[in-house]
């Protein structure tokens, strides 16, 4: 299992925004993964999607890596953010946008009032 942990670490360290999800950003295979993709799309954040349905080792390994039992799992600059509910709450409060900006991830600028 150490090998899968190294693969996960490599993915999250080499990509600013990584979403371990069911399906792909273009074709989510569950509603929760789809919601996180919609949030990231709305913000214009570049995301690397990792389809856990295609790799059983990653699917189990990511749960152990973050000590988080569910998929999807969002990482920003190597830091575990959370799953769908947390990402949605952070988006609604503006925290997710701030986190992405502080991490140097280019996002769409909000419309000026």
PDB file of N, CA and C in Angstrom:
ATOM      1  N   UNK A   1       0.827  -1.200   0.000  1.00  0.00           N
ATOM      2  CA  UNK A   1       0.000   0.000   0.000  1.00  0.00           C
ATOM      3  C   UNK A   1       0.867   1.259   0.000  1.00  0.00           C
ATOM      4  N   UNK A   2       2.139   1.148   0.387  1.00  0.00           N
ATOM      5  CA  UNK A   2       3.012   2.328   0.399  1.00  0.00           C
ATOM      6  C   UNK A   2       3.116   2.927  -0.994  1.00  0.00           C
ATOM      7  N   UNK A   3       3.149   2.081  -2.022  1.00  0.00           N
ATOM      8  CA  UNK A   3       3.255   2.558  -3.392  1.00  0.00           C
ATOM      9  C   UNK A   3       2.073   3.453  -3.759  1.00  0.00           C
ATOM     10  N   UNK A   4       0.863   3.061  -3.368  1.00  0.00           N
ATOM     11  CA  UNK A   4      -0.308   3.866  -3.691  1.00  0.00           C
ATOM     12  C   UNK A   4      -0.267   5.188  -2.917  1.00  0.00           C
ATOM     13  N   UNK A   5       0.228   5.170  -1.706  1.00  0.00           N
ATOM     14  CA  UNK A   5       0.354   6.406  -0.928  1.00  0.00           C
ATOM     15  C   UNK A   5       1.338   7.365  -1.604  1.00  0.00           C
ATOM     16  N   UNK A   6       2.419   6.806  -2.161  1.00  0.00           N
ATOM     17  CA  UNK A   6       3.394   7.624  -2.884  1.00  0.00           C
ATOM     18  C   UNK A   6       2.764   8.206  -4.154  1.00  0.00           C
ATOM     19  N   UNK A   7       1.955   7.421  -4.854  1.00  0.00           N
ATOM     20  CA  UNK A   7       1.277   7.901  -6.062  1.00  0.00           C
ATOM     21  C   UNK A   7       0.329   9.046  -5.720  1.00  0.00           C
ATOM     22  N   UNK A   8      -0.413   8.903  -4.627  1.00  0.00           N
ATOM     23  CA  UNK A   8      -1.338   9.953  -4.198  1.00  0.00           C
ATOM     24  C   UNK A   8      -0.562  11.213  -3.833  1.00  0.00           C
ATOM     25  N   UNK A   9       0.505  11.065  -3.065  1.00  0.00           N
ATOM     26  CA  UNK A   9       1.318  12.213  -2.661  1.00  0.00           C
ATOM     27  C   UNK A   9       1.873  12.932  -3.887  1.00  0.00           C
ATOM     28  N   UNK A  10       2.328  12.178  -4.864  1.00  0.00           N
ATOM     29  CA  UNK A  10       2.870  12.761  -6.101  1.00  0.00           C
ATOM     30  C   UNK A  10       1.790  13.560  -6.829  1.00  0.00           C
ATOM     31  N   UNK A  11       0.590  12.997  -6.941  1.00  0.00           N
ATOM     32  CA  UNK A  11      -0.513  13.689  -7.619  1.00  0.00           C
ATOM     33  C   UNK A  11      -0.847  15.013  -6.947  1.00  0.00           C
ATOM     34  N   UNK A  12      -0.974  15.000  -5.628  1.00  0.00           N
ATOM     35  CA  UNK A  12      -1.395  16.228  -4.941  1.00  0.00           C
ATOM     36  C   UNK A  12      -0.254  17.239  -4.810  1.00  0.00           C
ATOM     37  N   UNK A  13       0.986  16.792  -4.896  1.00  0.00           N
ATOM     38  CA  UNK A  13       2.092  17.747  -4.811  1.00  0.00           C
ATOM     39  C   UNK A  13       2.410  18.363  -6.172  1.00  0.00           C
ATOM     40  N   UNK A  14       2.084  17.672  -7.259  1.00  0.00           N
ATOM     41  CA  UNK A  14       2.411  18.173  -8.600  1.00  0.00           C
ATOM     42  C   UNK A  14       1.284  18.972  -9.239  1.00  0.00           C
ATOM     43  N   UNK A  15       0.086  18.940  -8.665  1.00  0.00           N
ATOM     44  CA  UNK A  15      -1.061  19.628  -9.254  1.00  0.00           C
ATOM     45  C   UNK A  15      -1.700  20.529  -8.199  1.00  0.00           C
ATOM     46  N   UNK A  16      -1.997  21.789  -8.549  1.00  0.00           N
ATOM     47  CA  UNK A  16      -2.539  22.718  -7.563  1.00  0.00           C
ATOM     48  C   UNK A  16      -3.917  22.321  -7.022  1.00  0.00           C
ATOM     49  N   UNK A  17      -4.789  21.783  -7.885  1.00  0.00           N
ATOM     50  CA  UNK A  17      -6.133  21.393  -7.455  1.00  0.00           C
ATOM     51  C   UNK A  17      -6.393  19.974  -7.958  1.00  0.00           C
ATOM     52  N   UNK A  18      -6.605  19.060  -7.016  1.00  0.00           N
ATOM     53  CA  UNK A  18      -6.855  17.659  -7.367  1.00  0.00           C
ATOM     54  C   UNK A  18      -8.155  17.222  -6.715  1.00  0.00           C
ATOM     55  N   UNK A  19      -8.985  16.566  -7.518  1.00  0.00           N
ATOM     56  CA  UNK A  19     -10.243  16.030  -7.011  1.00  0.00           C
ATOM     57  C   UNK A  19     -10.266  14.527  -7.250  1.00  0.00           C
ATOM     58  N   UNK A  20     -10.220  13.777  -6.158  1.00  0.00           N
ATOM     59  CA  UNK A  20     -10.399  12.330  -6.240  1.00  0.00           C
ATOM     60  C   UNK A  20     -11.902  12.122  -6.277  1.00  0.00           C
ATOM     61  N   UNK A  21     -12.397  11.544  -7.376  1.00  0.00           N
ATOM     62  CA  UNK A  21     -13.830  11.529  -7.623  1.00  0.00           C
ATOM     63  C   UNK A  21     -14.261  10.249  -8.326  1.00  0.00           C
ATOM     64  N   UNK A  22     -15.563  10.070  -8.387  1.00  0.00           N
ATOM     65  CA  UNK A  22     -16.138   8.972  -9.158  1.00  0.00           C
ATOM     66  C   UNK A  22     -16.467   9.540 -10.531  1.00  0.00           C
ATOM     67  N   UNK A  23     -15.742   9.047 -11.535  1.00  0.00           N
ATOM     68  CA  UNK A  23     -15.875   9.570 -12.884  1.00  0.00           C
ATOM     69  C   UNK A  23     -14.781  10.584 -13.165  1.00  0.00           C
ATOM     70  N   UNK A  24     -15.041  11.431 -14.163  1.00  0.00           N
ATOM     71  CA  UNK A  24     -14.082  12.454 -14.568  1.00  0.00           C
ATOM     72  C   UNK A  24     -14.767  13.819 -14.487  1.00  0.00           C
ATOM     73  N   UNK A  25     -13.992  14.904 -14.504  1.00  0.00           N
ATOM     74  CA  UNK A  25     -14.630  16.224 -14.490  1.00  0.00           C
ATOM     75  C   UNK A  25     -15.604  16.414 -15.660  1.00  0.00           C
ATOM     76  N   UNK A  26     -15.299  15.803 -16.796  1.00  0.00           N
ATOM     77  CA  UNK A  26     -16.170  15.907 -17.962  1.00  0.00           C
ATOM     78  C   UNK A  26     -17.406  15.019 -17.839  1.00  0.00           C
ATOM     79  N   UNK A  27     -17.290  13.954 -17.054  1.00  0.00           N
ATOM     80  CA  UNK A  27     -18.389  12.998 -16.927  1.00  0.00           C
ATOM     81  C   UNK A  27     -18.429  12.397 -15.515  1.00  0.00           C
ATOM     82  N   UNK A  28     -18.876  13.187 -14.527  1.00  0.00           N
ATOM     83  CA  UNK A  28     -18.953  12.670 -13.154  1.00  0.00           C
ATOM     84  C   UNK A  28     -19.919  11.484 -13.071  1.00  0.00           C
ATOM     85  N   UNK A  29     -19.576  10.512 -12.244  1.00  0.00           N
ATOM     86  CA  UNK A  29     -20.393   9.307 -12.099  1.00  0.00           C
ATOM     87  C   UNK A  29     -21.168   9.273 -10.790  1.00  0.00           C
ATOM     88  N   UNK A  30     -21.150  10.372 -10.039  1.00  0.00           N
ATOM     89  CA  UNK A  30     -22.001  10.475  -8.850  1.00  0.00           C
ATOM     90  C   UNK A  30     -22.326  11.943  -8.622  1.00  0.00           C
ATOM     91  N   UNK A  31     -23.436  12.187  -7.982  1.00  0.00           N
ATOM     92  CA  UNK A  31     -23.897  13.550  -7.773  1.00  0.00           C
ATOM     93  C   UNK A  31     -22.971  14.392  -6.928  1.00  0.00           C
ATOM     94  N   UNK A  32     -22.351  13.787  -5.915  1.00  0.00           N
ATOM     95  CA  UNK A  32     -21.464  14.540  -5.034  1.00  0.00           C
ATOM     96  C   UNK A  32     -20.214  14.990  -5.787  1.00  0.00           C
ATOM     97  N   UNK A  33     -19.647  14.087  -6.594  1.00  0.00           N
ATOM     98  CA  UNK A  33     -18.489  14.456  -7.413  1.00  0.00           C
ATOM     99  C   UNK A  33     -18.894  15.551  -8.393  1.00  0.00           C
ATOM    100  N   UNK A  34     -20.071  15.411  -8.975  1.00  0.00           N
ATOM    101  CA  UNK A  34     -20.568  16.394  -9.923  1.00  0.00           C
ATOM    102  C   UNK A  34     -20.724  17.775  -9.305  1.00  0.00           C
ATOM    103  N   UNK A  35     -21.196  17.836  -8.052  1.00  0.00           N
ATOM    104  CA  UNK A  35     -21.365  19.129  -7.378  1.00  0.00           C
ATOM    105  C   UNK A  35     -20.029  19.836  -7.181  1.00  0.00           C
ATOM    106  N   UNK A  36     -19.002  19.083  -6.781  1.00  0.00           N
ATOM    107  CA  UNK A  36     -17.690  19.701  -6.566  1.00  0.00           C
ATOM    108  C   UNK A  36     -17.123  20.185  -7.901  1.00  0.00           C
ATOM    109  N   UNK A  37     -17.294  19.398  -8.952  1.00  0.00           N
ATOM    110  CA  UNK A  37     -16.834  19.813 -10.285  1.00  0.00           C
ATOM    111  C   UNK A  37     -17.549  21.106 -10.696  1.00  0.00           C
ATOM    112  N   UNK A  38     -18.856  21.194 -10.460  1.00  0.00           N
ATOM    113  CA  UNK A  38     -19.607  22.407 -10.817  1.00  0.00           C
ATOM    114  C   UNK A  38     -19.079  23.625 -10.061  1.00  0.00           C
ATOM    115  N   UNK A  39     -18.761  23.461  -8.801  1.00  0.00           N
ATOM    116  CA  UNK A  39     -18.224  24.560  -7.999  1.00  0.00           C
ATOM    117  C   UNK A  39     -16.896  25.022  -8.585  1.00  0.00           C
ATOM    118  N   UNK A  40     -16.009  24.065  -8.862  1.00  0.00           N
ATOM    119  CA  UNK A  40     -14.686  24.408  -9.399  1.00  0.00           C
ATOM    120  C   UNK A  40     -14.816  25.027 -10.786  1.00  0.00           C
ATOM    121  N   UNK A  41     -15.730  24.506 -11.603  1.00  0.00           N
ATOM    122  CA  UNK A  41     -15.977  25.084 -12.932  1.00  0.00           C
ATOM    123  C   UNK A  41     -16.477  26.522 -12.801  1.00  0.00           C
ATOM    124  N   UNK A  42     -17.408  26.731 -11.883  1.00  0.00           N
ATOM    125  CA  UNK A  42     -17.966  28.071 -11.665  1.00  0.00           C
ATOM    126  C   UNK A  42     -16.859  29.065 -11.292  1.00  0.00           C
ATOM    127  N   UNK A  43     -15.914  28.608 -10.493  1.00  0.00           N
ATOM    128  CA  UNK A  43     -14.808  29.456 -10.060  1.00  0.00           C
ATOM    129  C   UNK A  43     -13.728  29.583 -11.134  1.00  0.00           C
ATOM    130  N   UNK A  44     -13.780  28.697 -12.123  1.00  0.00           N
ATOM    131  CA  UNK A  44     -12.762  28.705 -13.165  1.00  0.00           C
ATOM    132  C   UNK A  44     -11.443  28.118 -12.706  1.00  0.00           C
ATOM    133  N   UNK A  45     -11.480  27.320 -11.660  1.00  0.00           N
ATOM    134  CA  UNK A  45     -10.251  26.716 -11.124  1.00  0.00           C
ATOM    135  C   UNK A  45      -9.856  25.506 -11.966  1.00  0.00           C
ATOM    136  N   UNK A  46      -8.595  25.436 -12.366  1.00  0.00           N
ATOM    137  CA  UNK A  46      -8.135  24.257 -13.106  1.00  0.00           C
ATOM    138  C   UNK A  46      -8.077  23.067 -12.163  1.00  0.00           C
ATOM    139  N   UNK A  47      -8.681  21.962 -12.557  1.00  0.00           N
ATOM    140  CA  UNK A  47      -8.737  20.800 -11.673  1.00  0.00           C
ATOM    141  C   UNK A  47      -8.224  19.560 -12.391  1.00  0.00           C
ATOM    142  N   UNK A  48      -7.465  18.760 -11.659  1.00  0.00           N
ATOM    143  CA  UNK A  48      -7.053  17.445 -12.141  1.00  0.00           C
ATOM    144  C   UNK A  48      -7.970  16.445 -11.450  1.00  0.00           C
ATOM    145  N   UNK A  49      -8.768  15.749 -12.237  1.00  0.00           N
ATOM    146  CA  UNK A  49      -9.661  14.744 -11.695  1.00  0.00           C
ATOM    147  C   UNK A  49      -9.010  13.376 -11.711  1.00  0.00           C
ATOM    148  N   UNK A  50      -9.155  12.652 -10.616  1.00  0.00           N
ATOM    149  CA  UNK A  50      -8.640  11.285 -10.515  1.00  0.00           C
ATOM    150  C   UNK A  50      -9.848  10.378 -10.324  1.00  0.00           C
ATOM    151  N   UNK A  51     -10.103   9.549 -11.324  1.00  0.00           N
ATOM    152  CA  UNK A  51     -11.265   8.663 -11.304  1.00  0.00           C
ATOM    153  C   UNK A  51     -10.969   7.433 -10.455  1.00  0.00           C
ATOM    154  N   UNK A  52     -11.537   7.394  -9.247  1.00  0.00           N
ATOM    155  CA  UNK A  52     -11.273   6.277  -8.339  1.00  0.00           C
ATOM    156  C   UNK A  52     -11.950   4.989  -8.810  1.00  0.00           C
ATOM    157  N   UNK A  53     -12.913   5.109  -9.717  1.00  0.00           N
ATOM    158  CA  UNK A  53     -13.587   3.915 -10.227  1.00  0.00           C
ATOM    159  C   UNK A  53     -12.677   3.099 -11.141  1.00  0.00           C
ATOM    160  N   UNK A  54     -11.630   3.729 -11.655  1.00  0.00           N
ATOM    161  CA  UNK A  54     -10.704   3.045 -12.560  1.00  0.00           C
ATOM    162  C   UNK A  54      -9.518   2.418 -11.835  1.00  0.00           C
ATOM    163  N   UNK A  55      -9.376   2.688 -10.548  1.00  0.00           N
ATOM    164  CA  UNK A  55      -8.200   2.207  -9.819  1.00  0.00           C
ATOM    165  C   UNK A  55      -8.581   1.880  -8.374  1.00  0.00           C
ATOM    166  N   UNK A  56      -8.775   0.601  -8.098  1.00  0.00           N
ATOM    167  CA  UNK A  56      -9.207   0.167  -6.767  1.00  0.00           C
ATOM    168  C   UNK A  56      -8.187   0.536  -5.683  1.00  0.00           C
ATOM    169  N   UNK A  57      -6.895   0.502  -6.028  1.00  0.00           N
ATOM    170  CA  UNK A  57      -5.867   0.868  -5.047  1.00  0.00           C
ATOM    171  C   UNK A  57      -5.999   2.331  -4.644  1.00  0.00           C
ATOM    172  N   UNK A  58      -6.194   3.207  -5.624  1.00  0.00           N
ATOM    173  CA  UNK A  58      -6.373   4.635  -5.331  1.00  0.00           C
ATOM    174  C   UNK A  58      -7.666   4.839  -4.549  1.00  0.00           C
ATOM    175  N   UNK A  59      -8.727   4.132  -4.944  1.00  0.00           N
ATOM    176  CA  UNK A  59     -10.027   4.302  -4.278  1.00  0.00           C
ATOM    177  C   UNK A  59      -9.919   4.010  -2.790  1.00  0.00           C
ATOM    178  N   UNK A  60      -9.237   2.947  -2.423  1.00  0.00           N
ATOM    179  CA  UNK A  60      -9.055   2.624  -1.012  1.00  0.00           C
ATOM    180  C   UNK A  60      -7.954   3.475  -0.394  1.00  0.00           C
ATOM    181  N   UNK A  61      -6.881   3.664  -1.136  1.00  0.00           N
ATOM    182  CA  UNK A  61      -5.718   4.381  -0.617  1.00  0.00           C
ATOM    183  C   UNK A  61      -6.008   5.816  -0.240  1.00  0.00           C
ATOM    184  N   UNK A  62      -6.863   6.496  -1.025  1.00  0.00           N
ATOM    185  CA  UNK A  62      -7.146   7.901  -0.729  1.00  0.00           C
ATOM    186  C   UNK A  62      -7.944   8.034   0.563  1.00  0.00           C
ATOM    187  N   UNK A  63      -8.773   7.052   0.858  1.00  0.00           N
ATOM    188  CA  UNK A  63      -9.534   7.088   2.116  1.00  0.00           C
ATOM    189  C   UNK A  63      -8.587   6.998   3.310  1.00  0.00           C
ATOM    190  N   UNK A  64      -7.553   6.177   3.174  1.00  0.00           N
ATOM    191  CA  UNK A  64      -6.567   6.026   4.243  1.00  0.00           C
ATOM    192  C   UNK A  64      -5.627   7.227   4.302  1.00  0.00           C
ATOM    193  N   UNK A  65      -5.287   7.747   3.129  1.00  0.00           N
ATOM    194  CA  UNK A  65      -4.357   8.881   3.033  1.00  0.00           C
ATOM    195  C   UNK A  65      -4.868  10.065   3.838  1.00  0.00           C
ATOM    196  N   UNK A  66      -6.136  10.400   3.668  1.00  0.00           N
ATOM    197  CA  UNK A  66      -6.719  11.562   4.347  1.00  0.00           C
ATOM    198  C   UNK A  66      -7.452  11.187   5.629  1.00  0.00           C
ATOM    199  N   UNK A  67      -7.556   9.897   5.885  1.00  0.00           N
ATOM    200  CA  UNK A  67      -8.371   9.425   6.997  1.00  0.00           C
ATOM    201  C   UNK A  67      -9.785  10.000   6.871  1.00  0.00           C
ATOM    202  N   UNK A  68     -10.303   9.913   5.647  1.00  0.00           N
ATOM    203  CA  UNK A  68     -11.633  10.437   5.310  1.00  0.00           C
ATOM    204  C   UNK A  68     -12.347   9.332   4.540  1.00  0.00           C
ATOM    205  N   UNK A  69     -13.514   8.890   4.977  1.00  0.00           N
ATOM    206  CA  UNK A  69     -14.111   7.669   4.435  1.00  0.00           C
ATOM    207  C   UNK A  69     -14.837   7.784   3.098  1.00  0.00           C
ATOM    208  N   UNK A  70     -15.067   9.005   2.620  1.00  0.00           N
ATOM    209  CA  UNK A  70     -15.911   9.145   1.431  1.00  0.00           C
ATOM    210  C   UNK A  70     -15.187   9.812   0.262  1.00  0.00           C
ATOM    211  N   UNK A  71     -15.765   9.623  -0.903  1.00  0.00           N
ATOM    212  CA  UNK A  71     -15.328  10.229  -2.153  1.00  0.00           C
ATOM    213  C   UNK A  71     -16.476  11.134  -2.586  1.00  0.00           C
ATOM    214  N   UNK A  72     -16.256  12.309  -3.085  1.00  0.00           N
ATOM    215  CA  UNK A  72     -15.000  12.910  -3.540  1.00  0.00           C
ATOM    216  C   UNK A  72     -14.169  13.502  -2.400  1.00  0.00           C
ATOM    217  N   UNK A  73     -12.895  13.735  -2.738  1.00  0.00           N
ATOM    218  CA  UNK A  73     -11.977  14.409  -1.830  1.00  0.00           C
ATOM    219  C   UNK A  73     -11.236  15.472  -2.621  1.00  0.00           C
ATOM    220  N   UNK A  74     -11.272  16.690  -2.118  1.00  0.00           N
ATOM    221  CA  UNK A  74     -10.653  17.828  -2.780  1.00  0.00           C
ATOM    222  C   UNK A  74      -9.365  18.222  -2.064  1.00  0.00           C
ATOM    223  N   UNK A  75      -8.315  18.448  -2.869  1.00  0.00           N
ATOM    224  CA  UNK A  75      -7.017  18.898  -2.369  1.00  0.00           C
ATOM    225  C   UNK A  75      -6.631  20.180  -3.089  1.00  0.00           C
ATOM    226  N   UNK A  76      -6.147  21.164  -2.331  1.00  0.00           N
ATOM    227  CA  UNK A  76      -5.654  22.409  -2.900  1.00  0.00           C
ATOM    228  C   UNK A  76      -4.227  22.603  -2.407  1.00  0.00           C
ATOM    229  N   UNK A  77      -3.293  22.679  -3.352  1.00  0.00           N
ATOM    230  CA  UNK A  77      -1.864  22.841  -3.032  1.00  0.00           C
ATOM    231  C   UNK A  77      -1.395  21.819  -2.009  1.00  0.00           C
ATOM    232  N   UNK A  78      -1.819  20.573  -2.194  1.00  0.00           N
ATOM    233  CA  UNK A  78      -1.380  19.494  -1.329  1.00  0.00           C
ATOM    234  C   UNK A  78      -2.141  19.364  -0.026  1.00  0.00           C
ATOM    235  N   UNK A  79      -3.043  20.298   0.252  1.00  0.00           N
ATOM    236  CA  UNK A  79      -3.795  20.284   1.506  1.00  0.00           C
ATOM    237  C   UNK A  79      -5.183  19.698   1.290  1.00  0.00           C
ATOM    238  N   UNK A  80      -5.559  18.756   2.154  1.00  0.00           N
ATOM    239  CA  UNK A  80      -6.891  18.164   2.089  1.00  0.00           C
ATOM    240  C   UNK A  80      -7.915  19.212   2.512  1.00  0.00           C
ATOM    241  N   UNK A  81      -8.892  19.455   1.638  1.00  0.00           N
ATOM    242  CA  UNK A  81      -9.939  20.434   1.931  1.00  0.00           C
ATOM    243  C   UNK A  81     -11.142  19.732   2.539  1.00  0.00           C
ATOM    244  N   UNK A  82     -11.606  18.659   1.885  1.00  0.00           N
ATOM    245  CA  UNK A  82     -12.762  17.929   2.377  1.00  0.00           C
ATOM    246  C   UNK A  82     -13.536  17.319   1.230  1.00  0.00           C
ATOM    247  N   UNK A  83     -14.756  16.913   1.550  1.00  0.00           N
ATOM    248  CA  UNK A  83     -15.631  16.306   0.562  1.00  0.00           C
ATOM    249  C   UNK A  83     -16.628  17.311   0.023  1.00  0.00           C
ATOM    250  N   UNK A  84     -17.698  16.799  -0.523  1.00  0.00           N
ATOM    251  CA  UNK A  84     -18.699  17.630  -1.181  1.00  0.00           C
ATOM    252  C   UNK A  84     -19.313  18.664  -0.241  1.00  0.00           C
ATOM    253  N   UNK A  85     -19.780  18.245   0.919  1.00  0.00           N
ATOM    254  CA  UNK A  85     -20.455  19.172   1.836  1.00  0.00           C
ATOM    255  C   UNK A  85     -19.530  20.307   2.270  1.00  0.00           C
ATOM    256  N   UNK A  86     -18.296  19.965   2.598  1.00  0.00           N
ATOM    257  CA  UNK A  86     -17.344  20.982   3.042  1.00  0.00           C
ATOM    258  C   UNK A  86     -17.013  21.932   1.899  1.00  0.00           C
ATOM    259  N   UNK A  87     -16.769  21.383   0.703  1.00  0.00           N
ATOM    260  CA  UNK A  87     -16.467  22.227  -0.457  1.00  0.00           C
ATOM    261  C   UNK A  87     -17.631  23.171  -0.750  1.00  0.00           C
ATOM    262  N   UNK A  88     -18.855  22.656  -0.662  1.00  0.00           N
ATOM    263  CA  UNK A  88     -20.038  23.481  -0.933  1.00  0.00           C
ATOM    264  C   UNK A  88     -20.170  24.593   0.114  1.00  0.00           C
ATOM    265  N   UNK A  89     -19.999  24.252   1.392  1.00  0.00           N
ATOM    266  CA  UNK A  89     -20.095  25.253   2.460  1.00  0.00           C
ATOM    267  C   UNK A  89     -19.012  26.324   2.313  1.00  0.00           C
ATOM    268  N   UNK A  90     -17.797  25.880   1.974  1.00  0.00           N
ATOM    269  CA  UNK A  90     -16.695  26.827   1.799  1.00  0.00           C
ATOM    270  C   UNK A  90     -16.950  27.731   0.593  1.00  0.00           C
ATOM    271  N   UNK A  91     -17.523  27.179  -0.464  1.00  0.00           N
ATOM    272  CA  UNK A  91     -17.855  27.975  -1.643  1.00  0.00           C
ATOM    273  C   UNK A  91     -18.904  29.023  -1.288  1.00  0.00           C
ATOM    274  N   UNK A  92     -19.953  28.608  -0.587  1.00  0.00           N
ATOM    275  CA  UNK A  92     -21.049  29.515  -0.247  1.00  0.00           C
ATOM    276  C   UNK A  92     -20.588  30.645   0.676  1.00  0.00           C
ATOM    277  N   UNK A  93     -19.629  30.370   1.531  1.00  0.00           N
ATOM    278  CA  UNK A  93     -19.143  31.389   2.469  1.00  0.00           C
ATOM    279  C   UNK A  93     -18.028  32.251   1.874  1.00  0.00           C
ATOM    280  N   UNK A  94     -17.495  31.838   0.724  1.00  0.00           N
ATOM    281  CA  UNK A  94     -16.379  32.564   0.117  1.00  0.00           C
ATOM    282  C   UNK A  94     -15.021  32.041   0.541  1.00  0.00           C
ATOM    283  N   UNK A  95     -15.006  31.090   1.471  1.00  0.00           N
ATOM    284  CA  UNK A  95     -13.731  30.543   1.960  1.00  0.00           C
ATOM    285  C   UNK A  95     -12.947  29.808   0.877  1.00  0.00           C
ATOM    286  N   UNK A  96     -13.664  29.080   0.021  1.00  0.00           N
ATOM    287  CA  UNK A  96     -12.977  28.292  -1.010  1.00  0.00           C
ATOM    288  C   UNK A  96     -12.288  29.217  -2.007  1.00  0.00           C
ATOM    289  N   UNK A  97     -12.972  30.274  -2.418  1.00  0.00           N
ATOM    290  CA  UNK A  97     -12.377  31.236  -3.335  1.00  0.00           C
ATOM    291  C   UNK A  97     -11.123  31.845  -2.713  1.00  0.00           C
ATOM    292  N   UNK A  98     -11.221  32.221  -1.438  1.00  0.00           N
ATOM    293  CA  UNK A  98     -10.081  32.816  -0.729  1.00  0.00           C
ATOM    294  C   UNK A  98      -8.928  31.822  -0.638  1.00  0.00           C
ATOM    295  N   UNK A  99      -9.247  30.559  -0.324  1.00  0.00           N
ATOM    296  CA  UNK A  99      -8.206  29.535  -0.210  1.00  0.00           C
ATOM    297  C   UNK A  99      -7.480  29.355  -1.540  1.00  0.00           C
ATOM    298  N   UNK A 100      -8.251  29.280  -2.632  1.00  0.00           N
ATOM    299  CA  UNK A 100      -7.646  29.107  -3.954  1.00  0.00           C
ATOM    300  C   UNK A 100      -6.766  30.300  -4.310  1.00  0.00           C
ATOM    301  N   UNK A 101      -7.262  31.497  -4.052  1.00  0.00           N
ATOM    302  CA  UNK A 101      -6.505  32.714  -4.362  1.00  0.00           C
ATOM    303  C   UNK A 101      -5.221  32.771  -3.540  1.00  0.00           C
ATOM    304  N   UNK A 102      -5.330  32.484  -2.246  1.00  0.00           N
ATOM    305  CA  UNK A 102      -4.152  32.497  -1.369  1.00  0.00           C
ATOM    306  C   UNK A 102      -3.130  31.444  -1.782  1.00  0.00           C
ATOM    307  N   UNK A 103      -3.613  30.348  -2.351  1.00  0.00           N
ATOM    308  CA  UNK A 103      -2.716  29.275  -2.795  1.00  0.00           C
ATOM    309  C   UNK A 103      -2.113  29.578  -4.164  1.00  0.00           C
ATOM    310  N   UNK A 104      -2.522  30.701  -4.763  1.00  0.00           N
ATOM    311  CA  UNK A 104      -1.967  31.078  -6.057  1.00  0.00           C
ATOM    312  C   UNK A 104      -2.643  30.399  -7.237  1.00  0.00           C
ATOM    313  N   UNK A 105      -3.834  29.846  -7.009  1.00  0.00           N
ATOM    314  CA  UNK A 105      -4.579  29.195  -8.084  1.00  0.00           C
ATOM    315  C   UNK A 105      -5.418  30.263  -8.789  1.00  0.00           C
ATOM    316  N   UNK A 106      -5.262  30.356 -10.088  1.00  0.00           N
ATOM    317  CA  UNK A 106      -6.014  31.352 -10.860  1.00  0.00           C
ATOM    318  C   UNK A 106      -7.476  30.952 -10.928  1.00  0.00           C
ATOM    319  N   UNK A 107      -8.343  31.873 -10.506  1.00  0.00           N
ATOM    320  CA  UNK A 107      -9.783  31.640 -10.611  1.00  0.00           C
ATOM    321  C   UNK A 107     -10.408  32.855 -11.291  1.00  0.00           C
ATOM    322  N   UNK A 108     -11.647  32.692 -11.738  1.00  0.00           N
ATOM    323  CA  UNK A 108     -12.374  33.817 -12.332  1.00  0.00           C
ATOM    324  C   UNK A 108     -12.607  34.862 -11.249  1.00  0.00           C
ATOM    325  N   UNK A 109     -12.493  36.089 -11.644  1.00  0.00           N
ATOM    326  CA  UNK A 109     -12.769  37.164 -10.695  1.00  0.00           C
ATOM    327  C   UNK A 109     -14.279  37.361 -10.607  1.00  0.00           C
ATOM    328  N   UNK A 110     -14.794  37.577  -9.411  1.00  0.00           N
ATOM    329  CA  UNK A 110     -16.231  37.799  -9.280  1.00  0.00           C
ATOM    330  C   UNK A 110     -16.635  39.087  -9.991  1.00  0.00           C
ATOM    331  N   UNK A 111     -17.863  39.129 -10.443  1.00  0.00           N
ATOM    332  CA  UNK A 111     -18.380  40.319 -11.116  1.00  0.00           C
ATOM    333  C   UNK A 111     -18.416  41.481 -10.138  1.00  0.00           C
ATOM    334  N   UNK A 112     -18.093  42.640 -10.615  1.00  0.00           N
ATOM    335  CA  UNK A 112     -18.136  43.833  -9.769  1.00  0.00           C
ATOM    336  C   UNK A 112     -19.566  44.335  -9.659  1.00  0.00           C
ATOM    337  N   UNK A 113     -19.953  44.773  -8.479  1.00  0.00           N
ATOM    338  CA  UNK A 113     -21.318  45.260  -8.270  1.00  0.00           C
ATOM    339  C   UNK A 113     -21.443  46.699  -8.716  1.00  0.00           C
TER     340      UNK A 113
END
